[in-house]
Amino acid sequence: MATWFLIVIYLAFISLGLPDSLLGAAWPVMRPDLGAPLESAGMLAMIVAAGTIVSSLASGKLITKLGTGPLTLISCLMTAAALLGFSFAPSLLWFALLAIPLGLGAGAVDAALNHYVATHYKAHHMSWLHCFWGLGATGGPLLMSYFIKEHDSWRSGYTAVAMIQFGLVIVLLVTLPLWKKIAARRAENPTTEVAIGAANHDSATVPESLADEQPAKQPLRLPGVKMSLLAFLFYCGVETTVGLWGASFLVGARDVSAVTAAGWISLYYGGITIGRLITGFITLKVGNRALILAGQIISVIGAILLMLPLPDVVVLVGFVLIGLGFAPVYPGLIHETPARFGRANSAKLIGYQMAVAYTGTTFIPPLFGVLASQAGIGLFPIVTLLLVVFMLLSSEQVNRAIKRTKMTG
């Protein structure tokens, strides 16, 4: 039963990744059909992001009221309906309206499943969960490119992804009683599958005052919480900035061809996805916090390589190292949340983390775009390095705050 349940969770995260990169892949052919200006894709992306922020902030209360299973089912139904609507939408206005339920559904299921796995499963499952998101994010553009090439229809691409989402909705509906059975089993014997400290040699340092089951009245005031939110802001900001502007840097500052640049950026995403697969195995022997630090150091090295006046192959290595370094950071930070701040606070705090993460994704890349338009795309390696360093410092401040609390507690 537990194995099948995990498969359902993994499938849900593949479906979460599928729509994330569809708009960018389809926009060159969508825009003429809709008669929309080029920059309106950014507007649609921001509406989706705003929805994810709102639902992420509300996810703690929604999980408590509805439960993870029903919330995941409702959220996937919303995203499936929105994607199906995209395939029929006659104008940009309809796309803007449908982007609202797409964002609300994506944010809710993201926060709900991250909280569930962080609370009930070991660290390697969190890494693999986000690896499956990468599979979905990679598969979405491949599906869209197939339908554009073979059927000359971006609408069919959206229809296909919507049907996959509706298939998941059916799976979630059929397995809905399973969520209740698993929850009841853990309630009867909560020590059997609880993840806190189970796969993290360094999680045992969590002070008892943070690990108890009484939720804090103001969880944002717990030691280290605010710095952890900053770590999420900088991580998602730099991850998206590298993905969005990396090819432009290669073409504009390194004279790499557009085709080669696109391939190199795909290797960056491949580094993140494959790195999370590998990280899942490493967590069986190494703690989350050590992996997070190691990943951040590797990404710093990768960013430095982008700055050096060395052959292009070194720049390629830099992008791959940044991707590999990013691999353990996001899932590791999420999985540490119950251990650091208590299981009773984790649902609400992970919702806050998702909201701040989406804020970084929404605003940092456009801000860099404005900077690059004024000062040149050559600033890309410097900004990337600064964001990675800020992420590292924020993350380490969380560890120091937890350590100080243990010493004084």
Protein backbone atom coordinates (compact mmCIF):
# COMPACT_ATOMS: atom_id res chain seq x y z
CA MET A 1 0.00 0.00 0.00
CA ALA A 2 2.77 2.45 0.96
CA THR A 3 4.58 1.89 -2.35
CA TRP A 4 1.48 2.57 -4.44
CA PHE A 5 0.79 5.64 -2.35
CA LEU A 6 4.26 7.02 -3.07
CA ILE A 7 3.75 6.39 -6.79
CA VAL A 8 0.60 8.53 -6.66
CA ILE A 9 2.54 11.34 -4.98
CA TYR A 10 5.33 11.13 -7.57
CA LEU A 11 2.78 11.19 -10.41
CA ALA A 12 1.21 14.27 -8.88
CA PHE A 13 4.57 16.04 -8.97
CA ILE A 14 5.16 15.08 -12.61
CA SER A 15 1.79 16.66 -13.38
CA LEU A 16 2.81 19.74 -11.38
CA GLY A 17 5.87 20.19 -13.59
CA LEU A 18 4.11 19.56 -16.92
CA PRO A 19 2.38 22.97 -17.27
CA ASP A 20 5.29 25.03 -15.88
CA SER A 21 7.22 25.34 -19.14
CA LEU A 22 4.35 25.03 -21.65
CA LEU A 23 3.76 28.75 -22.14
CA GLY A 24 7.34 29.52 -23.10
CA ALA A 25 7.45 26.60 -25.54
CA ALA A 26 4.15 27.50 -27.20
CA TRP A 27 4.31 31.31 -27.13
CA PRO A 28 6.10 31.88 -30.48
CA VAL A 29 3.17 30.23 -32.31
CA MET A 30 0.44 31.23 -29.84
CA ARG A 31 1.18 34.95 -30.03
CA PRO A 32 0.32 35.45 -33.73
CA ASP A 33 -2.86 33.38 -33.35
CA LEU A 34 -4.01 35.50 -30.42
CA GLY A 35 -2.76 38.78 -31.87
CA ALA A 36 -0.99 39.44 -28.57
CA PRO A 37 2.08 41.62 -27.98
CA LEU A 38 5.36 39.84 -27.19
CA GLU A 39 5.54 41.02 -23.58
CA SER A 40 2.07 39.70 -22.68
CA ALA A 41 3.60 36.28 -21.97
CA GLY A 42 5.27 37.88 -18.96
CA MET A 43 1.92 39.24 -17.83
CA LEU A 44 0.35 35.76 -18.02
CA ALA A 45 3.28 34.26 -16.11
CA MET A 46 2.90 36.87 -13.38
CA ILE A 47 -0.83 36.13 -13.02
CA VAL A 48 -0.04 32.43 -12.58
CA ALA A 49 2.68 33.30 -10.07
CA ALA A 50 0.34 35.58 -8.13
CA GLY A 51 -2.16 32.74 -7.85
CA THR A 52 0.51 30.37 -6.58
CA ILE A 53 1.60 32.89 -3.95
CA VAL A 54 -1.97 33.37 -2.69
CA SER A 55 -2.74 29.64 -2.48
CA SER A 56 0.65 28.88 -0.92
CA LEU A 57 -0.01 31.40 1.87
CA ALA A 58 -3.44 29.83 2.47
CA SER A 59 -2.22 26.23 2.20
CA GLY A 60 -1.61 25.76 5.93
CA LYS A 61 -5.25 26.47 6.77
CA LEU A 62 -6.51 24.53 3.75
CA ILE A 63 -4.48 21.43 4.69
CA THR A 64 -5.87 21.58 8.23
CA LYS A 65 -9.45 22.04 7.02
CA LEU A 66 -9.56 19.71 3.99
CA GLY A 67 -6.64 17.31 4.39
CA THR A 68 -3.79 16.77 1.94
CA GLY A 69 -5.63 14.25 -0.27
CA PRO A 70 -8.79 16.28 -0.96
CA LEU A 71 -6.75 19.48 -1.39
CA THR A 72 -4.48 17.77 -3.93
CA LEU A 73 -7.52 16.42 -5.80
CA ILE A 74 -9.26 19.81 -5.95
CA SER A 75 -6.04 21.58 -6.97
CA CYS A 76 -5.30 19.13 -9.80
CA LEU A 77 -8.89 19.45 -11.02
CA MET A 78 -8.44 23.24 -11.15
CA THR A 79 -5.19 23.01 -13.14
CA ALA A 80 -6.66 20.41 -15.52
CA ALA A 81 -9.72 22.56 -16.19
CA ALA A 82 -7.57 25.67 -16.74
CA LEU A 83 -5.28 23.86 -19.21
CA LEU A 84 -8.27 22.51 -21.11
CA GLY A 85 -9.65 26.04 -21.19
CA PHE A 86 -6.37 27.26 -22.70
CA SER A 87 -6.88 24.92 -25.65
CA PHE A 88 -10.19 26.65 -26.46
CA ALA A 89 -9.48 30.22 -25.31
CA PRO A 90 -10.27 32.65 -28.14
CA SER A 91 -8.36 35.68 -26.82
CA LEU A 92 -5.65 36.91 -24.47
CA LEU A 93 -8.30 38.00 -21.97
CA TRP A 94 -9.50 34.41 -21.59
CA PHE A 95 -5.93 33.28 -21.05
CA ALA A 96 -5.52 35.87 -18.31
CA LEU A 97 -8.72 34.68 -16.59
CA LEU A 98 -7.75 30.99 -16.87
CA ALA A 99 -4.28 31.74 -15.51
CA ILE A 100 -5.90 32.47 -12.12
CA PRO A 101 -7.17 28.92 -11.37
CA LEU A 102 -3.98 27.49 -12.91
CA GLY A 103 -1.85 29.41 -10.41
CA LEU A 104 -4.14 28.78 -7.45
CA GLY A 105 -4.20 25.04 -8.13
CA ALA A 106 -0.45 24.75 -8.71
CA GLY A 107 0.48 26.61 -5.52
CA ALA A 108 -1.88 24.61 -3.32
CA VAL A 109 -0.77 21.17 -4.56
CA ASP A 110 2.90 22.19 -4.42
CA ALA A 111 2.71 23.29 -0.79
CA ALA A 112 0.46 20.39 0.25
CA LEU A 113 2.65 17.63 -1.20
CA ASN A 114 5.89 19.24 -0.03
CA HIS A 115 4.50 19.42 3.49
CA TYR A 116 3.24 15.84 3.38
CA VAL A 117 6.53 14.36 2.20
CA ALA A 118 8.63 16.56 4.50
CA THR A 119 6.56 15.46 7.48
CA HIS A 120 6.07 11.75 6.77
CA TYR A 121 8.92 10.53 4.56
CA LYS A 122 12.69 10.42 4.59
CA ALA A 123 14.95 12.91 2.83
CA HIS A 124 15.61 10.82 -0.29
CA HIS A 125 11.91 10.88 -1.15
CA MET A 126 11.94 14.68 -1.11
CA SER A 127 14.87 14.77 -3.55
CA TRP A 128 13.20 12.24 -5.83
CA LEU A 129 9.90 14.12 -5.59
CA HIS A 130 11.54 17.21 -7.07
CA CYS A 131 13.37 15.07 -9.59
CA PHE A 132 9.95 13.95 -10.86
CA TRP A 133 8.92 17.60 -11.09
CA GLY A 134 11.92 18.03 -13.40
CA LEU A 135 10.69 15.16 -15.55
CA GLY A 136 7.35 16.89 -15.90
CA ALA A 137 8.93 20.27 -16.65
CA THR A 138 11.07 18.62 -19.33
CA GLY A 139 8.20 16.60 -20.79
CA GLY A 140 5.82 19.54 -21.18
CA PRO A 141 7.81 21.35 -23.92
CA LEU A 142 8.53 18.02 -25.64
CA LEU A 143 4.80 17.29 -25.88
CA MET A 144 4.08 20.82 -27.06
CA SER A 145 6.83 20.72 -29.71
CA TYR A 146 5.48 17.37 -30.98
CA PHE A 147 1.97 18.73 -31.52
CA ILE A 148 3.27 21.95 -33.08
CA LYS A 149 5.54 20.03 -35.46
CA GLU A 150 3.27 17.11 -36.33
CA HIS A 151 -0.17 18.70 -36.08
CA ASP A 152 0.61 22.42 -36.41
CA SER A 153 -1.48 23.04 -33.32
CA TRP A 154 -0.41 24.46 -29.98
CA ARG A 155 -4.01 24.01 -28.81
CA SER A 156 -3.68 20.23 -29.20
CA GLY A 157 -0.59 20.38 -27.02
CA TYR A 158 -2.58 22.03 -24.23
CA THR A 159 -5.38 19.51 -24.73
CA ALA A 160 -2.94 16.60 -24.38
CA VAL A 161 -1.46 17.95 -21.15
CA ALA A 162 -4.97 18.66 -19.83
CA MET A 163 -5.98 15.05 -20.51
CA ILE A 164 -2.93 13.83 -18.59
CA GLN A 165 -3.98 16.08 -15.70
CA PHE A 166 -7.56 14.75 -15.81
CA GLY A 167 -6.12 11.23 -15.75
CA LEU A 168 -4.31 12.13 -12.54
CA VAL A 169 -7.55 13.56 -11.14
CA ILE A 170 -9.19 10.15 -11.67
CA VAL A 171 -6.26 8.42 -9.95
CA LEU A 172 -6.48 10.81 -7.01
CA LEU A 173 -10.23 10.30 -6.75
CA VAL A 174 -9.88 6.51 -6.73
CA THR A 175 -7.06 6.60 -4.17
CA LEU A 176 -8.65 9.25 -1.94
CA PRO A 177 -9.53 6.69 0.79
CA LEU A 178 -5.87 5.66 0.80
CA TRP A 179 -4.84 9.08 2.09
CA LYS A 180 -7.19 8.60 5.04
CA LYS A 181 -5.95 5.08 5.74
CA ILE A 182 -2.30 6.16 5.70
CA ALA A 183 -3.10 9.13 7.93
CA ALA A 184 -4.99 6.88 10.36
CA ARG A 185 -2.12 4.38 10.44
CA ARG A 186 0.34 7.14 11.30
CA ALA A 187 -1.99 8.50 13.96
CA GLU A 188 -2.04 5.07 15.61
CA ASN A 189 1.71 4.58 15.34
CA PRO A 190 3.33 7.95 14.60
CA THR A 191 6.91 6.76 15.09
CA THR A 192 7.02 4.29 12.21
CA GLU A 193 7.21 6.62 9.24
CA VAL A 194 7.91 10.05 10.65
CA ALA A 195 10.77 11.64 8.80
CA ILE A 196 12.23 14.01 11.35
CA GLY A 197 15.82 13.04 11.87
CA ALA A 198 15.28 9.62 10.31
CA ALA A 199 17.62 10.18 7.42
CA ASN A 200 19.57 13.18 8.65
CA HIS A 201 22.53 12.66 10.90
CA ASP A 202 22.59 16.37 11.71
CA SER A 203 18.85 16.70 12.46
CA ALA A 204 19.30 15.29 15.92
CA THR A 205 20.54 18.70 17.01
CA VAL A 206 17.03 20.13 16.79
CA PRO A 207 16.01 21.51 20.18
CA GLU A 208 13.01 19.86 21.78
CA SER A 209 11.26 23.20 22.07
CA LEU A 210 11.11 23.37 18.28
CA ALA A 211 10.17 19.76 17.70
CA ASP A 212 7.15 19.53 19.99
CA GLU A 213 3.62 19.19 18.66
CA GLN A 214 2.22 22.50 19.93
CA PRO A 215 1.97 25.00 17.06
CA ALA A 216 3.52 28.40 17.72
CA LYS A 217 1.07 31.30 17.82
CA GLN A 218 3.47 33.31 15.64
CA PRO A 219 5.61 30.81 13.72
CA LEU A 220 7.35 33.60 11.80
CA ARG A 221 9.03 34.59 15.07
CA LEU A 222 10.65 31.21 15.60
CA PRO A 223 14.46 31.45 15.47
CA GLY A 224 15.76 31.13 11.92
CA VAL A 225 12.40 31.27 10.11
CA LYS A 226 12.89 34.65 8.46
CA MET A 227 16.36 33.76 7.21
CA SER A 228 15.00 30.48 5.83
CA LEU A 229 12.45 32.49 3.85
CA LEU A 230 15.28 34.61 2.43
CA ALA A 231 17.11 31.43 1.41
CA PHE A 232 14.03 30.35 -0.57
CA LEU A 233 13.71 33.81 -2.13
CA PHE A 234 17.31 33.84 -3.36
CA TYR A 235 17.31 30.19 -4.44
CA CYS A 236 14.22 30.40 -6.65
CA GLY A 237 15.25 33.82 -7.90
CA VAL A 238 18.67 32.65 -9.06
CA GLU A 239 17.41 29.29 -10.40
CA THR A 240 14.90 31.05 -12.65
CA THR A 241 17.31 33.87 -13.57
CA VAL A 242 19.91 31.39 -14.81
CA GLY A 243 17.29 29.49 -16.81
CA LEU A 244 15.74 32.62 -18.31
CA TRP A 245 18.82 34.73 -19.06
CA GLY A 246 21.61 32.14 -19.39
CA ALA A 247 21.13 31.69 -23.15
CA SER A 248 21.02 35.45 -23.69
CA PHE A 249 24.34 35.78 -21.84
CA LEU A 250 25.90 33.04 -23.96
CA VAL A 251 24.74 34.65 -27.21
CA GLY A 252 25.29 38.29 -26.25
CA ALA A 253 28.48 38.10 -24.20
CA ARG A 254 30.19 34.89 -25.36
CA ASP A 255 29.19 34.84 -29.06
CA VAL A 256 27.73 31.33 -28.75
CA SER A 257 25.12 30.41 -31.38
CA ALA A 258 21.48 30.47 -30.29
CA VAL A 259 21.07 26.73 -30.96
CA THR A 260 24.15 25.86 -28.89
CA ALA A 261 23.08 28.22 -26.12
CA ALA A 262 19.65 26.55 -25.88
CA GLY A 263 21.32 23.15 -25.63
CA TRP A 264 23.64 24.32 -22.86
CA ILE A 265 20.73 25.68 -20.83
CA SER A 266 18.97 22.33 -21.21
CA LEU A 267 22.09 20.76 -19.67
CA TYR A 268 21.72 23.18 -16.76
CA TYR A 269 18.19 21.89 -16.13
CA GLY A 270 19.43 18.37 -16.71
CA GLY A 271 22.01 18.94 -13.97
CA ILE A 272 19.26 19.89 -11.53
CA THR A 273 17.09 16.88 -12.43
CA ILE A 274 19.86 14.27 -12.50
CA GLY A 275 21.44 15.84 -9.42
CA ARG A 276 18.22 15.35 -7.46
CA LEU A 277 18.06 11.72 -8.53
CA ILE A 278 21.62 11.18 -7.29
CA THR A 279 21.05 13.26 -4.16
CA GLY A 280 18.21 10.96 -3.16
CA PHE A 281 20.69 8.12 -2.80
CA ILE A 282 23.31 10.27 -1.06
CA THR A 283 20.81 11.34 1.62
CA LEU A 284 20.77 7.74 2.81
CA LYS A 285 24.29 8.36 4.15
CA VAL A 286 24.70 12.15 4.39
CA GLY A 287 22.53 14.65 6.23
CA ASN A 288 20.44 17.33 4.53
CA ARG A 289 22.36 20.26 5.95
CA ALA A 290 25.72 18.97 4.77
CA LEU A 291 24.27 18.34 1.30
CA ILE A 292 22.71 21.80 1.13
CA LEU A 293 26.03 23.44 2.02
CA ALA A 294 27.97 21.27 -0.42
CA GLY A 295 25.50 22.07 -3.20
CA GLN A 296 25.74 25.79 -2.55
CA ILE A 297 29.54 25.68 -2.64
CA ILE A 298 29.44 23.78 -5.95
CA SER A 299 27.08 26.38 -7.41
CA VAL A 300 29.42 29.17 -6.25
CA ILE A 301 32.27 27.47 -8.10
CA GLY A 302 30.07 27.17 -11.20
CA ALA A 303 29.17 30.87 -11.05
CA ILE A 304 32.83 31.83 -10.73
CA LEU A 305 33.64 29.78 -13.86
CA LEU A 306 31.12 31.89 -15.81
CA MET A 307 33.10 35.01 -14.92
CA LEU A 308 36.52 33.79 -16.05
CA PRO A 309 37.88 34.60 -19.55
CA LEU A 310 38.34 30.91 -20.37
CA PRO A 311 37.25 28.73 -23.34
CA ASP A 312 33.53 28.18 -23.91
CA VAL A 313 33.71 24.59 -22.67
CA VAL A 314 34.58 25.96 -19.21
CA VAL A 315 31.43 28.09 -19.31
CA LEU A 316 29.44 24.98 -20.16
CA VAL A 317 30.98 23.23 -17.15
CA GLY A 318 30.00 26.27 -15.07
CA PHE A 319 26.32 25.97 -16.05
CA VAL A 320 26.32 22.21 -15.35
CA LEU A 321 27.97 22.77 -11.94
CA ILE A 322 25.41 25.41 -11.04
CA GLY A 323 22.62 22.96 -11.90
CA LEU A 324 24.20 20.10 -9.98
CA GLY A 325 24.83 22.41 -7.02
CA PHE A 326 21.23 23.59 -6.99
CA ALA A 327 19.93 20.01 -6.95
CA PRO A 328 19.92 19.35 -3.17
CA VAL A 329 19.16 22.88 -2.01
CA TYR A 330 15.41 23.32 -2.55
CA PRO A 331 14.22 19.82 -1.52
CA GLY A 332 16.72 19.80 1.36
CA LEU A 333 15.51 23.12 2.76
CA ILE A 334 11.90 21.98 2.58
CA HIS A 335 12.62 18.63 4.22
CA GLU A 336 14.43 20.35 7.09
CA THR A 337 11.42 22.52 7.94
CA PRO A 338 9.63 20.07 10.29
CA ALA A 339 12.93 19.15 11.94
CA ARG A 340 13.97 22.74 12.48
CA PHE A 341 10.68 24.38 13.41
CA GLY A 342 8.38 21.55 14.55
CA ARG A 343 5.89 19.38 12.70
CA ALA A 344 2.97 21.36 14.10
CA ASN A 345 4.30 24.51 12.42
CA SER A 346 5.49 22.92 9.19
CA ALA A 347 2.27 23.11 7.15
CA LYS A 348 1.96 26.85 7.62
CA LEU A 349 5.70 27.53 7.27
CA ILE A 350 6.08 25.46 4.10
CA GLY A 351 3.17 27.45 2.66
CA TYR A 352 5.06 30.65 3.51
CA GLN A 353 8.22 29.20 1.96
CA MET A 354 6.39 28.36 -1.26
CA ALA A 355 4.93 31.88 -1.40
CA VAL A 356 8.33 33.52 -0.92
CA ALA A 357 9.88 31.11 -3.42
CA TYR A 358 7.31 32.08 -6.06
CA THR A 359 7.94 35.74 -5.22
CA GLY A 360 11.62 35.26 -6.05
CA THR A 361 10.70 33.46 -9.26
CA THR A 362 8.31 36.24 -10.25
CA PHE A 363 10.35 39.36 -9.54
CA ILE A 364 14.11 38.67 -9.52
CA PRO A 365 14.46 37.56 -13.18
CA PRO A 366 12.53 40.60 -14.54
CA LEU A 367 14.57 42.91 -12.31
CA PHE A 368 17.74 41.46 -13.77
CA GLY A 369 16.26 41.98 -17.24
CA VAL A 370 15.85 45.68 -16.49
CA LEU A 371 19.41 45.84 -15.16
CA ALA A 372 20.78 44.00 -18.21
CA SER A 373 18.95 46.32 -20.60
CA GLN A 374 20.68 49.29 -18.98
CA ALA A 375 24.13 47.92 -18.10
CA GLY A 376 24.52 44.94 -20.44
CA ILE A 377 24.01 41.18 -20.28
CA GLY A 378 27.66 40.78 -19.28
CA LEU A 379 26.58 41.38 -15.68
CA PHE A 380 24.88 37.97 -15.66
CA PRO A 381 27.75 36.00 -14.00
CA ILE A 382 28.24 38.67 -11.30
CA VAL A 383 24.53 38.80 -10.42
CA THR A 384 24.33 34.99 -10.44
CA LEU A 385 27.29 34.74 -8.05
CA LEU A 386 25.84 37.39 -5.72
CA LEU A 387 22.46 35.66 -5.56
CA VAL A 388 24.08 32.28 -4.85
CA VAL A 389 26.25 33.79 -2.10
CA PHE A 390 23.21 35.53 -0.53
CA MET A 391 21.39 32.18 -0.60
CA LEU A 392 24.32 30.44 1.08
CA LEU A 393 24.65 33.10 3.80
CA SER A 394 20.90 33.04 4.53
CA SER A 395 20.89 29.26 4.81
CA GLU A 396 23.89 29.23 7.15
CA GLN A 397 22.28 31.90 9.33
CA VAL A 398 19.36 29.51 9.87
CA ASN A 399 21.74 26.82 11.14
CA ARG A 400 23.40 29.32 13.48
CA ALA A 401 20.03 30.46 14.84
CA ILE A 402 18.97 26.86 15.52
CA LYS A 403 22.30 26.14 17.22
CA ARG A 404 22.02 29.25 19.42
CA THR A 405 18.48 28.27 20.43
CA LYS A 406 19.69 24.81 21.44
CA MET A 407 22.52 26.25 23.53
CA THR A 408 20.28 28.76 25.32
CA GLY A 409 17.31 26.35 25.59
